[in-house]
């Protein structure tokens, strides 16, 4: 595992991530006080961010998980759907990073079909340079340039998800 970090440089530190999560949690608490909130975690990459964020949010919330796949050249499909009835509830999709936006757009459309009161997106990282569809997060930790990142849930061939910092490869 240590060899994987060879050629990589820290982009966002663990402390910077914690700060972003705290700010995002406060924004969500302010906007959803007194409302029924359902937090949706797309598996697998968002798990670290999701766990930290839901623990920081100090208002009542339900949580659920979904797994969507979008193999290159194929459409999106749901592998594991949510089990919570979201009709009339306020839904937040928790994404670790938004780049092309295909999978997220598919997921949001699918969730809206269940008639939630609202459906918003929180993203730790937004990479608009890669966007293929016009989808934007409602809450953003930070915007990054078009670079490949790993750590804090993001992987390279399933490795690196456990890193506490976010890295990119030296250019």
N, C-alpha and C. Protein backbone atom coordinates (compact mmCIF):
# COMPACT_ATOMS: atom_id res chain seq x y z
N UNK A 1 0.83 -1.19 0.00
CA UNK A 1 0.00 0.00 0.00
C UNK A 1 0.87 1.25 0.00
N UNK A 2 1.95 1.26 0.73
CA UNK A 2 2.81 2.44 0.80
C UNK A 2 3.37 2.76 -0.58
N UNK A 3 3.61 1.75 -1.41
CA UNK A 3 4.15 1.99 -2.74
C UNK A 3 3.18 2.79 -3.60
N UNK A 4 1.90 2.65 -3.36
CA UNK A 4 0.93 3.36 -4.15
C UNK A 4 1.10 4.87 -4.02
N UNK A 5 1.54 5.35 -2.88
CA UNK A 5 1.70 6.78 -2.68
C UNK A 5 2.92 7.34 -3.39
N UNK A 6 3.76 6.47 -3.94
CA UNK A 6 4.92 6.93 -4.70
C UNK A 6 4.44 7.74 -5.90
N UNK A 7 4.98 8.93 -6.05
CA UNK A 7 4.58 9.80 -7.15
C UNK A 7 3.34 10.61 -6.88
N UNK A 8 2.78 10.45 -5.69
CA UNK A 8 1.57 11.19 -5.33
C UNK A 8 1.93 12.31 -4.38
N UNK A 9 1.15 13.39 -4.45
CA UNK A 9 1.37 14.51 -3.54
C UNK A 9 0.05 14.83 -2.84
N UNK A 10 0.13 15.24 -1.57
CA UNK A 10 -1.11 15.60 -0.86
C UNK A 10 -1.77 16.80 -1.53
N UNK A 11 -3.07 16.71 -1.73
CA UNK A 11 -3.84 17.81 -2.31
C UNK A 11 -4.69 18.47 -1.23
N UNK A 12 -5.36 17.63 -0.40
CA UNK A 12 -6.20 18.13 0.69
C UNK A 12 -5.90 17.29 1.92
N UNK A 13 -5.54 17.94 3.02
CA UNK A 13 -5.16 17.22 4.23
C UNK A 13 -6.38 16.78 5.03
N UNK A 14 -6.15 15.86 5.93
CA UNK A 14 -7.21 15.38 6.82
C UNK A 14 -7.85 16.53 7.58
N UNK A 15 -7.05 17.47 8.08
CA UNK A 15 -7.60 18.62 8.81
C UNK A 15 -8.45 19.51 7.91
N UNK A 16 -8.03 19.70 6.67
CA UNK A 16 -8.82 20.50 5.74
C UNK A 16 -10.15 19.80 5.43
N UNK A 17 -10.12 18.48 5.29
CA UNK A 17 -11.34 17.71 5.06
C UNK A 17 -12.29 17.87 6.24
N UNK A 18 -11.77 17.72 7.46
CA UNK A 18 -12.60 17.87 8.66
C UNK A 18 -13.26 19.24 8.72
N UNK A 19 -12.52 20.27 8.36
CA UNK A 19 -13.05 21.62 8.35
C UNK A 19 -14.18 21.76 7.32
N UNK A 20 -13.97 21.22 6.12
CA UNK A 20 -15.01 21.28 5.08
C UNK A 20 -16.27 20.55 5.53
N UNK A 21 -16.10 19.37 6.14
CA UNK A 21 -17.24 18.59 6.60
C UNK A 21 -18.02 19.38 7.65
N UNK A 22 -17.34 20.03 8.57
CA UNK A 22 -18.00 20.82 9.61
C UNK A 22 -18.81 21.97 9.01
N UNK A 23 -18.23 22.67 8.05
CA UNK A 23 -18.92 23.79 7.40
C UNK A 23 -20.16 23.28 6.66
N UNK A 24 -20.02 22.19 5.92
CA UNK A 24 -21.15 21.62 5.18
C UNK A 24 -22.26 21.18 6.14
N UNK A 25 -21.89 20.56 7.25
CA UNK A 25 -22.88 20.11 8.24
C UNK A 25 -23.66 21.29 8.79
N UNK A 26 -22.99 22.37 9.11
CA UNK A 26 -23.68 23.57 9.64
C UNK A 26 -24.64 24.15 8.60
N UNK A 27 -24.24 24.18 7.34
CA UNK A 27 -25.12 24.70 6.28
C UNK A 27 -26.37 23.84 6.16
N UNK A 28 -26.19 22.53 6.18
CA UNK A 28 -27.32 21.61 6.06
C UNK A 28 -28.24 21.73 7.28
N UNK A 29 -27.68 21.80 8.49
CA UNK A 29 -28.49 21.98 9.70
C UNK A 29 -29.33 23.24 9.60
N UNK A 30 -28.73 24.32 9.14
CA UNK A 30 -29.44 25.60 9.01
C UNK A 30 -30.61 25.46 8.03
N UNK A 31 -30.37 24.82 6.90
CA UNK A 31 -31.38 24.73 5.85
C UNK A 31 -32.49 23.71 6.13
N UNK A 32 -32.22 22.73 6.98
CA UNK A 32 -33.18 21.63 7.18
C UNK A 32 -33.72 21.52 8.60
N UNK A 33 -33.50 22.50 9.43
CA UNK A 33 -34.02 22.47 10.79
C UNK A 33 -35.54 22.27 10.75
N UNK A 34 -36.03 21.28 11.51
CA UNK A 34 -37.46 21.01 11.59
C UNK A 34 -38.05 20.24 10.42
N UNK A 35 -37.20 19.74 9.52
CA UNK A 35 -37.70 19.00 8.35
C UNK A 35 -37.26 17.54 8.43
N UNK A 36 -38.03 16.67 7.75
CA UNK A 36 -37.65 15.26 7.68
C UNK A 36 -36.55 15.11 6.64
N UNK A 37 -35.38 14.71 7.10
CA UNK A 37 -34.20 14.63 6.25
C UNK A 37 -33.77 13.18 6.05
N UNK A 38 -33.50 12.83 4.79
CA UNK A 38 -32.98 11.51 4.46
C UNK A 38 -31.66 11.71 3.71
N UNK A 39 -30.61 11.17 4.26
CA UNK A 39 -29.28 11.26 3.65
C UNK A 39 -29.03 9.97 2.88
N UNK A 40 -28.68 10.10 1.59
CA UNK A 40 -28.45 8.95 0.72
C UNK A 40 -26.97 8.87 0.36
N UNK A 41 -26.37 7.70 0.60
CA UNK A 41 -24.96 7.47 0.31
C UNK A 41 -24.80 6.55 -0.90
N UNK A 42 -24.29 7.08 -2.02
CA UNK A 42 -23.95 6.20 -3.13
C UNK A 42 -22.67 5.42 -2.79
N UNK A 43 -22.74 4.11 -2.87
CA UNK A 43 -21.60 3.26 -2.56
C UNK A 43 -20.65 3.19 -3.74
N UNK A 44 -19.40 3.05 -3.57
CA UNK A 44 -18.62 2.86 -2.38
C UNK A 44 -17.87 4.12 -1.98
N UNK A 45 -17.54 4.94 -2.95
CA UNK A 45 -16.64 6.06 -2.72
C UNK A 45 -17.07 7.07 -1.68
N UNK A 46 -18.36 7.23 -1.48
CA UNK A 46 -18.85 8.27 -0.58
C UNK A 46 -18.90 7.86 0.88
N UNK A 47 -18.59 6.63 1.20
CA UNK A 47 -18.78 6.12 2.56
C UNK A 47 -18.03 6.93 3.61
N UNK A 48 -16.77 7.25 3.39
CA UNK A 48 -15.99 8.00 4.40
C UNK A 48 -16.59 9.38 4.63
N UNK A 49 -16.85 10.10 3.56
CA UNK A 49 -17.45 11.44 3.65
C UNK A 49 -18.83 11.36 4.29
N UNK A 50 -19.63 10.41 3.86
CA UNK A 50 -20.98 10.22 4.38
C UNK A 50 -20.96 10.00 5.89
N UNK A 51 -20.12 9.08 6.35
CA UNK A 51 -20.06 8.76 7.78
C UNK A 51 -19.66 9.99 8.59
N UNK A 52 -18.67 10.72 8.13
CA UNK A 52 -18.24 11.92 8.86
C UNK A 52 -19.33 12.99 8.85
N UNK A 53 -19.97 13.18 7.72
CA UNK A 53 -20.99 14.22 7.60
C UNK A 53 -22.23 13.93 8.44
N UNK A 54 -22.76 12.72 8.37
CA UNK A 54 -23.99 12.44 9.14
C UNK A 54 -23.74 12.51 10.64
N UNK A 55 -22.52 12.20 11.09
CA UNK A 55 -22.21 12.33 12.51
C UNK A 55 -22.13 13.79 12.94
N UNK A 56 -21.74 14.68 12.03
CA UNK A 56 -21.64 16.11 12.33
C UNK A 56 -23.00 16.81 12.34
N UNK A 57 -23.93 16.31 11.54
CA UNK A 57 -25.25 16.93 11.44
C UNK A 57 -26.06 16.57 12.68
N UNK A 58 -26.43 17.56 13.45
CA UNK A 58 -27.08 17.33 14.73
C UNK A 58 -28.59 17.57 14.69
N UNK A 59 -29.22 17.23 13.57
CA UNK A 59 -30.68 17.25 13.48
C UNK A 59 -31.12 15.84 13.11
N UNK A 60 -32.39 15.48 13.42
CA UNK A 60 -32.85 14.13 13.09
C UNK A 60 -32.71 13.83 11.60
N UNK A 61 -32.28 12.62 11.32
CA UNK A 61 -32.08 12.21 9.93
C UNK A 61 -32.19 10.71 9.81
N UNK A 62 -32.60 10.28 8.65
CA UNK A 62 -32.54 8.87 8.28
C UNK A 62 -31.39 8.74 7.30
N UNK A 63 -30.82 7.55 7.24
CA UNK A 63 -29.77 7.31 6.26
C UNK A 63 -30.12 6.08 5.43
N UNK A 64 -29.63 6.08 4.21
CA UNK A 64 -29.83 4.93 3.33
C UNK A 64 -28.68 4.88 2.33
N UNK A 65 -28.58 3.75 1.66
CA UNK A 65 -27.49 3.50 0.73
C UNK A 65 -28.03 3.05 -0.61
N UNK A 66 -27.31 3.42 -1.66
CA UNK A 66 -27.66 3.02 -3.01
C UNK A 66 -26.35 2.69 -3.73
N UNK A 67 -26.42 1.75 -4.66
CA UNK A 67 -25.24 1.46 -5.47
C UNK A 67 -25.66 1.49 -6.93
N UNK A 68 -25.00 2.36 -7.68
CA UNK A 68 -25.29 2.55 -9.09
C UNK A 68 -24.00 2.28 -9.86
N UNK A 69 -24.12 1.60 -10.98
CA UNK A 69 -22.96 1.35 -11.82
C UNK A 69 -23.17 2.03 -13.17
N UNK A 70 -22.07 2.44 -13.75
CA UNK A 70 -22.13 3.04 -15.09
C UNK A 70 -20.87 2.65 -15.86
N UNK A 71 -20.82 1.38 -16.29
CA UNK A 71 -19.65 0.93 -17.05
C UNK A 71 -19.44 1.79 -18.29
N UNK A 72 -18.19 1.98 -18.66
CA UNK A 72 -17.86 2.79 -19.84
C UNK A 72 -18.63 2.28 -21.06
N UNK A 73 -19.26 3.20 -21.76
CA UNK A 73 -19.97 2.84 -22.98
C UNK A 73 -21.35 2.26 -22.76
N UNK A 74 -21.75 2.09 -21.49
CA UNK A 74 -23.07 1.54 -21.18
C UNK A 74 -23.85 2.55 -20.36
N UNK A 75 -25.15 2.33 -20.23
CA UNK A 75 -25.98 3.20 -19.41
C UNK A 75 -25.81 2.87 -17.94
N UNK A 76 -26.43 3.68 -17.11
CA UNK A 76 -26.39 3.47 -15.66
C UNK A 76 -27.44 2.45 -15.26
N UNK A 77 -27.15 1.73 -14.19
CA UNK A 77 -28.15 0.83 -13.63
C UNK A 77 -27.94 0.72 -12.13
N UNK A 78 -29.04 0.45 -11.44
CA UNK A 78 -29.00 0.35 -9.98
C UNK A 78 -28.69 -1.09 -9.59
N UNK A 79 -27.68 -1.26 -8.77
CA UNK A 79 -27.32 -2.57 -8.23
C UNK A 79 -28.03 -2.78 -6.90
N UNK A 80 -28.06 -1.74 -6.06
CA UNK A 80 -28.75 -1.77 -4.77
C UNK A 80 -29.52 -0.47 -4.64
N UNK A 81 -30.83 -0.57 -4.52
CA UNK A 81 -31.68 0.61 -4.40
C UNK A 81 -31.87 0.98 -2.94
N UNK A 82 -32.37 2.18 -2.69
CA UNK A 82 -32.66 2.59 -1.31
C UNK A 82 -33.85 1.77 -0.80
N UNK A 83 -33.98 1.66 0.51
CA UNK A 83 -35.10 0.95 1.10
C UNK A 83 -36.03 1.87 1.88
N UNK A 84 -35.67 3.14 1.97
CA UNK A 84 -36.46 4.12 2.69
C UNK A 84 -37.50 4.75 1.77
N UNK A 85 -38.72 4.94 2.30
CA UNK A 85 -39.75 5.66 1.57
C UNK A 85 -39.43 7.15 1.68
N UNK A 86 -39.07 7.78 0.58
CA UNK A 86 -38.65 9.18 0.61
C UNK A 86 -39.76 10.14 0.18
N UNK A 87 -40.95 9.62 -0.10
CA UNK A 87 -42.06 10.48 -0.53
C UNK A 87 -42.32 11.56 0.53
N UNK A 88 -42.29 12.81 0.10
CA UNK A 88 -42.58 13.93 0.99
C UNK A 88 -41.45 14.32 1.93
N UNK A 89 -40.31 13.65 1.83
CA UNK A 89 -39.18 13.94 2.71
C UNK A 89 -38.11 14.71 1.94
N UNK A 90 -37.24 15.37 2.68
CA UNK A 90 -36.15 16.12 2.07
C UNK A 90 -34.93 15.20 1.96
N UNK A 91 -34.45 15.03 0.74
CA UNK A 91 -33.38 14.08 0.44
C UNK A 91 -32.10 14.84 0.09
N UNK A 92 -31.00 14.35 0.63
CA UNK A 92 -29.69 14.87 0.24
C UNK A 92 -28.82 13.69 -0.21
N UNK A 93 -28.34 13.77 -1.44
CA UNK A 93 -27.40 12.78 -1.97
C UNK A 93 -26.00 13.25 -1.56
N UNK A 94 -25.23 12.36 -0.93
CA UNK A 94 -23.91 12.72 -0.42
C UNK A 94 -22.84 12.09 -1.32
N UNK A 95 -22.18 12.93 -2.11
CA UNK A 95 -21.15 12.47 -3.06
C UNK A 95 -19.78 12.93 -2.62
N UNK A 96 -18.78 12.07 -2.76
CA UNK A 96 -17.42 12.47 -2.43
C UNK A 96 -16.85 13.38 -3.52
N UNK A 97 -17.18 13.10 -4.79
CA UNK A 97 -16.68 13.92 -5.90
C UNK A 97 -17.67 13.87 -7.05
N UNK A 98 -17.83 15.00 -7.71
CA UNK A 98 -18.65 15.05 -8.92
C UNK A 98 -17.73 15.42 -10.07
N UNK A 99 -17.68 14.55 -11.07
CA UNK A 99 -16.92 14.90 -12.26
C UNK A 99 -17.84 14.90 -13.48
N UNK A 100 -17.94 13.83 -14.23
CA UNK A 100 -18.77 13.82 -15.44
C UNK A 100 -20.25 14.07 -15.12
N UNK A 101 -20.73 13.51 -14.03
CA UNK A 101 -22.11 13.74 -13.61
C UNK A 101 -23.13 12.77 -14.15
N UNK A 102 -22.72 11.80 -14.95
CA UNK A 102 -23.68 10.86 -15.54
C UNK A 102 -24.40 10.03 -14.48
N UNK A 103 -23.65 9.40 -13.61
CA UNK A 103 -24.24 8.54 -12.59
C UNK A 103 -25.09 9.35 -11.62
N UNK A 104 -24.59 10.49 -11.20
CA UNK A 104 -25.32 11.33 -10.26
C UNK A 104 -26.62 11.85 -10.87
N UNK A 105 -26.58 12.25 -12.14
CA UNK A 105 -27.79 12.70 -12.82
C UNK A 105 -28.83 11.58 -12.89
N UNK A 106 -28.37 10.38 -13.22
CA UNK A 106 -29.24 9.21 -13.25
C UNK A 106 -29.87 8.97 -11.87
N UNK A 107 -29.05 9.01 -10.83
CA UNK A 107 -29.53 8.76 -9.47
C UNK A 107 -30.53 9.82 -9.04
N UNK A 108 -30.23 11.07 -9.29
CA UNK A 108 -31.15 12.13 -8.87
C UNK A 108 -32.50 11.99 -9.58
N UNK A 109 -32.48 11.68 -10.88
CA UNK A 109 -33.72 11.47 -11.63
C UNK A 109 -34.51 10.32 -11.03
N UNK A 110 -33.81 9.23 -10.69
CA UNK A 110 -34.46 8.07 -10.08
C UNK A 110 -35.10 8.44 -8.74
N UNK A 111 -34.40 9.19 -7.91
CA UNK A 111 -34.94 9.58 -6.60
C UNK A 111 -36.11 10.54 -6.74
N UNK A 112 -36.05 11.46 -7.68
CA UNK A 112 -37.15 12.40 -7.90
C UNK A 112 -38.43 11.69 -8.31
N UNK A 113 -38.31 10.53 -8.96
CA UNK A 113 -39.49 9.75 -9.34
C UNK A 113 -40.25 9.24 -8.11
N UNK A 114 -39.59 9.22 -6.96
CA UNK A 114 -40.24 8.78 -5.72
C UNK A 114 -40.91 9.93 -4.96
N UNK A 115 -40.95 11.09 -5.57
CA UNK A 115 -41.65 12.27 -5.07
C UNK A 115 -41.21 12.76 -3.69
N UNK A 116 -39.91 13.00 -3.51
CA UNK A 116 -39.47 13.62 -2.26
C UNK A 116 -39.91 15.09 -2.23
N UNK A 117 -39.93 15.70 -1.05
CA UNK A 117 -40.24 17.13 -0.93
C UNK A 117 -39.16 17.95 -1.65
N UNK A 118 -37.93 17.48 -1.57
CA UNK A 118 -36.81 18.10 -2.27
C UNK A 118 -35.70 17.08 -2.42
N UNK A 119 -34.80 17.33 -3.34
CA UNK A 119 -33.65 16.45 -3.53
C UNK A 119 -32.45 17.32 -3.90
N UNK A 120 -31.50 17.38 -2.98
CA UNK A 120 -30.31 18.19 -3.20
C UNK A 120 -29.07 17.32 -3.14
N UNK A 121 -27.94 17.92 -3.53
CA UNK A 121 -26.67 17.20 -3.60
C UNK A 121 -25.64 17.94 -2.78
N UNK A 122 -24.90 17.19 -1.94
CA UNK A 122 -23.73 17.74 -1.26
C UNK A 122 -22.53 16.97 -1.78
N UNK A 123 -21.49 17.70 -2.16
CA UNK A 123 -20.27 17.08 -2.67
C UNK A 123 -19.07 17.64 -1.92
N UNK A 124 -18.19 16.76 -1.50
CA UNK A 124 -16.96 17.23 -0.89
C UNK A 124 -16.12 17.93 -1.95
N UNK A 125 -15.98 17.30 -3.12
CA UNK A 125 -15.19 17.86 -4.22
C UNK A 125 -16.06 18.01 -5.46
N UNK A 126 -15.90 19.12 -6.13
CA UNK A 126 -16.58 19.35 -7.40
C UNK A 126 -15.50 19.58 -8.45
N UNK A 127 -15.61 18.83 -9.55
CA UNK A 127 -14.63 18.93 -10.65
C UNK A 127 -15.39 19.31 -11.93
N UNK A 128 -15.80 20.58 -12.05
CA UNK A 128 -16.65 20.98 -13.18
C UNK A 128 -16.00 20.85 -14.56
N UNK A 129 -14.69 20.84 -14.63
CA UNK A 129 -14.01 20.71 -15.93
C UNK A 129 -14.35 19.39 -16.62
N UNK A 130 -14.76 18.39 -15.86
CA UNK A 130 -15.08 17.07 -16.42
C UNK A 130 -16.57 16.87 -16.69
N UNK A 131 -17.39 17.87 -16.37
CA UNK A 131 -18.84 17.71 -16.44
C UNK A 131 -19.33 17.46 -17.86
N UNK A 132 -20.12 16.39 -18.00
CA UNK A 132 -20.74 16.05 -19.28
C UNK A 132 -22.22 16.39 -19.29
N UNK A 133 -22.81 16.46 -18.10
CA UNK A 133 -24.23 16.80 -17.96
C UNK A 133 -24.36 18.01 -17.04
N UNK A 134 -25.40 18.81 -17.24
CA UNK A 134 -25.54 20.05 -16.45
C UNK A 134 -26.09 19.79 -15.04
N UNK A 135 -25.32 19.12 -14.22
CA UNK A 135 -25.73 18.88 -12.84
C UNK A 135 -24.74 19.58 -11.92
N UNK A 136 -25.29 20.23 -10.89
CA UNK A 136 -24.45 20.99 -9.97
C UNK A 136 -24.80 20.64 -8.54
N UNK A 137 -23.81 20.58 -7.68
CA UNK A 137 -24.10 20.33 -6.27
C UNK A 137 -24.72 21.58 -5.62
N UNK A 138 -25.54 21.35 -4.62
CA UNK A 138 -26.15 22.44 -3.87
C UNK A 138 -25.24 22.89 -2.73
N UNK A 139 -24.42 21.97 -2.26
CA UNK A 139 -23.43 22.25 -1.21
C UNK A 139 -22.10 21.68 -1.69
N UNK A 140 -21.02 22.45 -1.57
CA UNK A 140 -19.71 22.03 -2.06
C UNK A 140 -18.64 22.30 -1.01
N UNK A 141 -17.81 21.28 -0.74
CA UNK A 141 -16.65 21.49 0.13
C UNK A 141 -15.64 22.36 -0.56
N UNK A 142 -15.20 21.95 -1.77
CA UNK A 142 -14.27 22.75 -2.56
C UNK A 142 -14.31 22.30 -4.02
N UNK A 143 -13.90 23.19 -4.89
CA UNK A 143 -13.82 22.90 -6.32
C UNK A 143 -12.35 22.61 -6.64
N UNK A 144 -12.13 21.57 -7.44
CA UNK A 144 -10.75 21.22 -7.82
C UNK A 144 -10.61 21.25 -9.34
N UNK A 145 -9.35 21.33 -9.77
CA UNK A 145 -9.04 21.29 -11.19
C UNK A 145 -9.21 19.85 -11.69
N UNK A 146 -9.09 19.68 -12.98
CA UNK A 146 -9.22 18.37 -13.60
C UNK A 146 -7.97 17.54 -13.34
N UNK A 147 -7.99 16.82 -12.23
CA UNK A 147 -6.88 15.93 -11.88
C UNK A 147 -7.46 14.69 -11.20
N UNK A 148 -6.75 13.59 -11.34
CA UNK A 148 -7.17 12.33 -10.74
C UNK A 148 -6.77 12.34 -9.26
N UNK A 149 -7.73 12.09 -8.39
CA UNK A 149 -7.47 12.10 -6.95
C UNK A 149 -7.85 10.76 -6.33
N UNK A 150 -7.13 10.42 -5.27
CA UNK A 150 -7.47 9.22 -4.49
C UNK A 150 -7.33 9.54 -3.01
N UNK A 151 -7.97 8.72 -2.21
CA UNK A 151 -7.96 8.88 -0.76
C UNK A 151 -9.33 9.34 -0.28
N UNK A 152 -9.58 9.15 1.01
CA UNK A 152 -10.83 9.55 1.65
C UNK A 152 -12.03 9.02 0.86
N UNK A 153 -11.96 7.73 0.52
CA UNK A 153 -13.04 7.06 -0.19
C UNK A 153 -12.81 6.89 -1.68
N UNK A 154 -12.00 7.74 -2.26
CA UNK A 154 -11.74 7.66 -3.70
C UNK A 154 -10.57 6.71 -3.95
N UNK A 155 -10.66 5.96 -5.04
CA UNK A 155 -9.71 4.87 -5.22
C UNK A 155 -9.05 4.86 -6.59
N UNK A 156 -8.05 4.02 -6.69
CA UNK A 156 -7.44 3.64 -7.95
C UNK A 156 -7.42 2.12 -7.95
N UNK A 157 -8.28 1.53 -8.75
CA UNK A 157 -8.44 0.06 -8.77
C UNK A 157 -8.68 -0.49 -7.36
N UNK A 158 -9.58 0.16 -6.64
CA UNK A 158 -10.01 -0.22 -5.28
C UNK A 158 -8.96 0.01 -4.21
N UNK A 159 -7.84 0.63 -4.53
CA UNK A 159 -6.81 0.93 -3.54
C UNK A 159 -6.82 2.42 -3.22
N UNK A 160 -6.50 2.75 -1.97
CA UNK A 160 -6.36 4.13 -1.56
C UNK A 160 -7.57 4.72 -0.87
N UNK A 161 -8.69 4.00 -0.85
CA UNK A 161 -9.90 4.52 -0.21
C UNK A 161 -9.67 4.87 1.26
N UNK A 162 -8.77 4.17 1.91
CA UNK A 162 -8.55 4.33 3.35
C UNK A 162 -7.60 5.46 3.72
N UNK A 163 -7.01 6.13 2.75
CA UNK A 163 -6.12 7.25 3.08
C UNK A 163 -6.90 8.37 3.73
N UNK A 164 -6.33 8.98 4.76
CA UNK A 164 -7.00 10.06 5.48
C UNK A 164 -6.93 11.38 4.73
N UNK A 165 -5.89 11.54 3.90
CA UNK A 165 -5.74 12.73 3.07
C UNK A 165 -6.19 12.39 1.65
N UNK A 166 -6.34 13.43 0.84
CA UNK A 166 -6.65 13.25 -0.59
C UNK A 166 -5.38 13.60 -1.36
N UNK A 167 -5.01 12.71 -2.27
CA UNK A 167 -3.77 12.86 -3.03
C UNK A 167 -4.07 12.98 -4.52
N UNK A 168 -3.12 13.57 -5.23
CA UNK A 168 -3.14 13.49 -6.69
C UNK A 168 -1.70 13.19 -7.13
N UNK A 169 -1.57 12.82 -8.39
CA UNK A 169 -0.25 12.46 -8.88
C UNK A 169 0.50 13.72 -9.30
N UNK A 170 1.79 13.76 -8.94
CA UNK A 170 2.63 14.91 -9.30
C UNK A 170 2.66 15.06 -10.81
N UNK A 171 2.65 16.29 -11.26
CA UNK A 171 2.58 16.53 -12.71
C UNK A 171 3.93 16.88 -13.27
